Amino acid sequence: MLTMFIWSFVVGGLICVIGQLMFDVGKMTPAHTLSTMVVAGAILSGFGLYEKLIYFAGAGATIPITSFGNALVNGAMNEVEKHGYIGVLTGMFEVTSSGISSAIVFGFIGALLFKPKG
């Protein structure tokens, strides 16, 4: 069990280090870094590699933003099997709708409670 925690920490840390290097060394904006990490997770999921990473690292692979790309692809693939190609459009939002809705609601609450800049 201890090794599972260690690998989770190492893999999650490496994903975050990659994102930080993209931001600092690659001089990418936060939005570009975020988008690239989501797309990387989606590509790894499309090749069937992200599920293996989740099996190996647990929360170290499910907590970072790359897991969002994995969730989008998994939802789309599951719905394609059930409903055909229209499932691509509906499936990716079925799985991720709670996360997207939470981000919208909490962002709105944060904007009400604090003075947003801009």
Protein backbone atom coordinates (compact mmCIF):
# COMPACT_ATOMS: atom_id res chain seq x y z
CA MET A 1 0.00 0.00 0.00
CA LEU A 2 2.85 2.39 0.76
CA THR A 3 4.31 1.83 -2.71
CA MET A 4 0.95 2.81 -4.23
CA PHE A 5 1.10 6.14 -2.38
CA ILE A 6 4.69 6.69 -3.44
CA TRP A 7 3.97 6.00 -7.13
CA SER A 8 0.88 8.17 -6.98
CA PHE A 9 2.96 11.02 -5.61
CA VAL A 10 5.75 10.49 -8.16
CA VAL A 11 3.48 10.26 -11.21
CA GLY A 12 1.26 13.17 -10.13
CA GLY A 13 4.38 15.20 -9.39
CA LEU A 14 5.89 14.42 -12.78
CA ILE A 15 2.72 15.49 -14.57
CA CYS A 16 2.81 18.76 -12.64
CA VAL A 17 6.52 19.23 -13.35
CA ILE A 18 5.86 18.80 -17.07
CA GLY A 19 3.15 21.46 -16.87
CA GLN A 20 5.40 23.80 -14.90
CA LEU A 21 8.23 23.34 -17.42
CA MET A 22 5.85 24.14 -20.26
CA PHE A 23 4.89 27.30 -18.42
CA ASP A 24 8.37 28.41 -17.31
CA VAL A 25 10.78 27.11 -19.93
CA GLY A 26 8.40 26.95 -22.88
CA LYS A 27 7.03 30.40 -22.01
CA MET A 28 3.49 29.14 -22.66
CA THR A 29 0.58 31.06 -21.21
CA PRO A 30 -1.47 29.34 -18.50
CA ALA A 31 -4.29 28.79 -21.00
CA HIS A 32 -1.96 27.18 -23.54
CA THR A 33 -0.40 24.98 -20.86
CA LEU A 34 -3.81 23.89 -19.59
CA SER A 35 -5.10 23.14 -23.08
CA THR A 36 -1.98 21.22 -24.01
CA MET A 37 -2.21 19.07 -20.88
CA VAL A 38 -5.89 18.26 -21.55
CA VAL A 39 -5.10 17.35 -25.16
CA ALA A 40 -2.14 15.21 -24.03
CA GLY A 41 -4.44 13.32 -21.65
CA ALA A 42 -6.95 12.84 -24.46
CA ILE A 43 -4.30 11.54 -26.86
CA LEU A 44 -2.90 9.13 -24.26
CA SER A 45 -6.44 7.95 -23.58
CA GLY A 46 -7.11 7.47 -27.28
CA PHE A 47 -4.13 5.13 -27.50
CA GLY A 48 -5.24 3.29 -24.35
CA LEU A 49 -2.24 4.43 -22.30
CA TYR A 50 -3.93 6.70 -19.77
CA GLU A 51 -6.00 3.88 -18.25
CA LYS A 52 -2.78 1.95 -17.67
CA LEU A 53 -1.31 5.03 -16.00
CA ILE A 54 -4.38 5.31 -13.76
CA TYR A 55 -4.11 1.62 -12.85
CA PHE A 56 -0.42 2.14 -11.97
CA ALA A 57 -0.57 5.53 -10.22
CA GLY A 58 -4.17 5.87 -8.99
CA ALA A 59 -4.88 9.40 -7.81
CA GLY A 60 -1.53 10.57 -9.18
CA ALA A 61 -3.06 10.20 -12.64
CA THR A 62 -6.72 11.03 -11.90
CA ILE A 63 -6.21 14.32 -10.06
CA PRO A 64 -4.13 16.35 -12.60
CA ILE A 65 -5.87 18.14 -15.48
CA THR A 66 -4.69 15.49 -17.95
CA SER A 67 -7.41 13.28 -16.47
CA PHE A 68 -10.03 15.66 -17.86
CA GLY A 69 -8.88 14.83 -21.40
CA ASN A 70 -9.05 11.17 -20.48
CA ALA A 71 -12.62 11.59 -19.23
CA LEU A 72 -13.67 13.38 -22.42
CA VAL A 73 -12.35 10.60 -24.63
CA ASN A 74 -13.72 7.79 -22.45
CA GLY A 75 -17.18 9.36 -22.38
CA ALA A 76 -17.18 9.83 -26.14
CA MET A 77 -15.98 6.29 -26.81
CA ASN A 78 -18.58 4.74 -24.49
CA GLU A 79 -21.42 6.66 -26.12
CA VAL A 80 -20.19 5.83 -29.64
CA GLU A 81 -20.55 2.16 -28.76
CA LYS A 82 -24.14 2.72 -27.59
CA HIS A 83 -25.50 5.37 -29.98
CA GLY A 84 -23.13 5.57 -32.93
CA TYR A 85 -21.22 8.65 -33.98
CA ILE A 86 -23.70 11.08 -32.42
CA GLY A 87 -22.35 9.73 -29.13
CA VAL A 88 -19.13 11.64 -29.71
CA LEU A 89 -20.99 14.88 -29.10
CA THR A 90 -23.10 13.71 -26.19
CA GLY A 91 -20.73 11.30 -24.45
CA MET A 92 -17.88 13.61 -23.64
CA PHE A 93 -20.18 16.01 -21.83
CA GLU A 94 -22.13 13.31 -20.03
CA VAL A 95 -19.07 12.19 -18.10
CA THR A 96 -17.59 15.64 -17.47
CA SER A 97 -20.75 17.68 -16.92
CA SER A 98 -20.48 17.68 -13.13
CA GLY A 99 -16.93 19.06 -13.28
CA ILE A 100 -17.84 21.70 -15.84
CA SER A 101 -20.95 22.71 -13.90
CA SER A 102 -18.98 22.93 -10.65
CA ALA A 103 -16.37 25.16 -12.29
CA ILE A 104 -19.09 27.50 -13.56
CA VAL A 105 -20.98 27.66 -10.25
CA PHE A 106 -17.92 28.12 -8.05
CA GLY A 107 -16.43 30.64 -10.48
CA PHE A 108 -19.65 32.63 -10.29
CA ILE A 109 -19.69 32.45 -6.48
CA GLY A 110 -16.05 33.53 -6.39
CA ALA A 111 -16.83 36.49 -8.63
CA LEU A 112 -19.68 37.50 -6.32
CA LEU A 113 -17.61 37.22 -3.14
CA PHE A 114 -14.39 38.81 -4.39
CA LYS A 115 -13.62 41.73 -6.65
CA PRO A 116 -12.56 40.26 -10.00
CA LYS A 117 -9.83 42.08 -11.90
CA GLY A 118 -10.23 42.93 -15.52
